[in-house]
């Protein structure tokens, strides 16, 4: 069953992908490749913040979950509090 995009936006990611590529979907068999992009681990994420203490790197990792786009948005020259205030709140 095809779901309109508005409803699909609030569905869990995996369920949404199953709907897109199911036999009833207009996109069935149009997929040319599948690429799974996973978040960075703690060590990879910590490289974004070389000036942070290990404790602050861990806090940043906890907030940003290793998602590259979120890591890139934070300014390594600002404190965690400043970044949260300007980028998240």
C-alpha atoms as a PDB file:
ATOM      1  CA  UNK A   1       0.000   0.000   0.000  1.00  0.00           C
ATOM      2  CA  UNK A   2       1.430   3.383  -1.000  1.00  0.00           C
ATOM      3  CA  UNK A   3       1.398   5.980   1.777  1.00  0.00           C
ATOM      4  CA  UNK A   4       1.218   9.719   1.027  1.00  0.00           C
ATOM      5  CA  UNK A   5       4.456  11.575   1.879  1.00  0.00           C
ATOM      6  CA  UNK A   6       2.876  13.519   4.759  1.00  0.00           C
ATOM      7  CA  UNK A   7       2.038  10.357   6.679  1.00  0.00           C
ATOM      8  CA  UNK A   8       5.304   8.753   5.662  1.00  0.00           C
ATOM      9  CA  UNK A   9       7.296  11.581   7.248  1.00  0.00           C
ATOM     10  CA  UNK A  10       6.236  10.521  10.732  1.00  0.00           C
ATOM     11  CA  UNK A  11       6.726   6.782  10.244  1.00  0.00           C
ATOM     12  CA  UNK A  12       9.785   4.986  11.525  1.00  0.00           C
ATOM     13  CA  UNK A  13      12.547   4.932   8.920  1.00  0.00           C
ATOM     14  CA  UNK A  14      12.619   1.185   8.387  1.00  0.00           C
ATOM     15  CA  UNK A  15       8.864   0.908   7.951  1.00  0.00           C
ATOM     16  CA  UNK A  16       8.923   3.799   5.482  1.00  0.00           C
ATOM     17  CA  UNK A  17      11.639   2.124   3.391  1.00  0.00           C
ATOM     18  CA  UNK A  18       9.702  -1.137   3.394  1.00  0.00           C
ATOM     19  CA  UNK A  19       6.687   0.727   2.032  1.00  0.00           C
ATOM     20  CA  UNK A  20       8.696   2.463  -0.674  1.00  0.00           C
ATOM     21  CA  UNK A  21      10.224  -0.733  -2.020  1.00  0.00           C
ATOM     22  CA  UNK A  22       7.258  -3.056  -1.548  1.00  0.00           C
ATOM     23  CA  UNK A  23       5.634  -4.695  -4.563  1.00  0.00           C
ATOM     24  CA  UNK A  24       2.690  -2.283  -4.470  1.00  0.00           C
ATOM     25  CA  UNK A  25       4.858   0.821  -4.535  1.00  0.00           C
ATOM     26  CA  UNK A  26       5.382   2.813  -7.746  1.00  0.00           C
ATOM     27  CA  UNK A  27       9.107   2.779  -6.915  1.00  0.00           C
ATOM     28  CA  UNK A  28       9.359  -1.014  -6.774  1.00  0.00           C
ATOM     29  CA  UNK A  29      12.301  -2.330  -8.856  1.00  0.00           C
ATOM     30  CA  UNK A  30      13.585   1.190  -9.549  1.00  0.00           C
ATOM     31  CA  UNK A  31      16.241   0.988  -6.872  1.00  0.00           C
ATOM     32  CA  UNK A  32      19.703   0.762  -8.429  1.00  0.00           C
ATOM     33  CA  UNK A  33      21.766   0.520  -5.249  1.00  0.00           C
ATOM     34  CA  UNK A  34      21.414   0.488  -1.505  1.00  0.00           C
ATOM     35  CA  UNK A  35      23.881   2.335   0.658  1.00  0.00           C
ATOM     36  CA  UNK A  36      23.674   2.120   4.423  1.00  0.00           C
ATOM     37  CA  UNK A  37      25.273   5.091   6.084  1.00  0.00           C
ATOM     38  CA  UNK A  38      26.016   4.561   9.746  1.00  0.00           C
ATOM     39  CA  UNK A  39      26.907   7.147  12.383  1.00  0.00           C
ATOM     40  CA  UNK A  40      30.508   7.671  13.421  1.00  0.00           C
ATOM     41  CA  UNK A  41      31.700   5.954  16.569  1.00  0.00           C
ATOM     42  CA  UNK A  42      33.025   7.932  19.538  1.00  0.00           C
ATOM     43  CA  UNK A  43      36.648   8.046  18.320  1.00  0.00           C
ATOM     44  CA  UNK A  44      35.704   9.250  14.848  1.00  0.00           C
ATOM     45  CA  UNK A  45      33.288  11.819  16.297  1.00  0.00           C
ATOM     46  CA  UNK A  46      35.868  13.140  18.742  1.00  0.00           C
ATOM     47  CA  UNK A  47      38.095  14.196  15.820  1.00  0.00           C
ATOM     48  CA  UNK A  48      35.575  16.953  15.080  1.00  0.00           C
ATOM     49  CA  UNK A  49      36.394  18.579  18.440  1.00  0.00           C
ATOM     50  CA  UNK A  50      40.168  18.504  18.976  1.00  0.00           C
ATOM     51  CA  UNK A  51      40.043  21.342  21.546  1.00  0.00           C
ATOM     52  CA  UNK A  52      37.390  19.722  23.755  1.00  0.00           C
ATOM     53  CA  UNK A  53      38.283  17.743  26.852  1.00  0.00           C
ATOM     54  CA  UNK A  54      37.521  14.024  26.751  1.00  0.00           C
ATOM     55  CA  UNK A  55      34.496  14.654  28.963  1.00  0.00           C
ATOM     56  CA  UNK A  56      33.131  17.308  26.587  1.00  0.00           C
ATOM     57  CA  UNK A  57      33.804  15.086  23.570  1.00  0.00           C
ATOM     58  CA  UNK A  58      31.717  12.392  25.226  1.00  0.00           C
ATOM     59  CA  UNK A  59      28.934  14.881  25.978  1.00  0.00           C
ATOM     60  CA  UNK A  60      28.997  16.099  22.353  1.00  0.00           C
ATOM     61  CA  UNK A  61      28.840  12.497  21.159  1.00  0.00           C
ATOM     62  CA  UNK A  62      25.874  11.860  23.442  1.00  0.00           C
ATOM     63  CA  UNK A  63      24.047  14.888  22.074  1.00  0.00           C
ATOM     64  CA  UNK A  64      24.903  14.408  18.389  1.00  0.00           C
ATOM     65  CA  UNK A  65      24.929  10.590  18.242  1.00  0.00           C
ATOM     66  CA  UNK A  66      27.812  10.521  15.778  1.00  0.00           C
ATOM     67  CA  UNK A  67      25.674  11.855  12.898  1.00  0.00           C
ATOM     68  CA  UNK A  68      28.142  13.552  10.503  1.00  0.00           C
ATOM     69  CA  UNK A  69      25.802  16.403   9.560  1.00  0.00           C
ATOM     70  CA  UNK A  70      25.186  17.258  13.211  1.00  0.00           C
ATOM     71  CA  UNK A  71      28.893  17.007  14.058  1.00  0.00           C
ATOM     72  CA  UNK A  72      29.698  19.340  11.190  1.00  0.00           C
ATOM     73  CA  UNK A  73      27.126  21.876  12.390  1.00  0.00           C
ATOM     74  CA  UNK A  74      28.764  22.281  15.795  1.00  0.00           C
ATOM     75  CA  UNK A  75      31.595  24.822  15.960  1.00  0.00           C
ATOM     76  CA  UNK A  76      34.677  23.295  17.616  1.00  0.00           C
ATOM     77  CA  UNK A  77      35.720  26.749  18.826  1.00  0.00           C
ATOM     78  CA  UNK A  78      32.525  27.231  20.826  1.00  0.00           C
ATOM     79  CA  UNK A  79      31.550  25.510  24.044  1.00  0.00           C
ATOM     80  CA  UNK A  80      28.937  22.778  24.061  1.00  0.00           C
ATOM     81  CA  UNK A  81      26.497  25.152  25.754  1.00  0.00           C
ATOM     82  CA  UNK A  82      27.013  27.802  23.059  1.00  0.00           C
ATOM     83  CA  UNK A  83      26.594  25.235  20.290  1.00  0.00           C
ATOM     84  CA  UNK A  84      23.425  23.816  21.805  1.00  0.00           C
ATOM     85  CA  UNK A  85      21.991  27.319  22.270  1.00  0.00           C
ATOM     86  CA  UNK A  86      22.759  28.387  18.702  1.00  0.00           C
ATOM     87  CA  UNK A  87      22.200  25.148  16.764  1.00  0.00           C
ATOM     88  CA  UNK A  88      19.593  23.157  18.675  1.00  0.00           C
ATOM     89  CA  UNK A  89      17.417  25.501  20.731  1.00  0.00           C
END
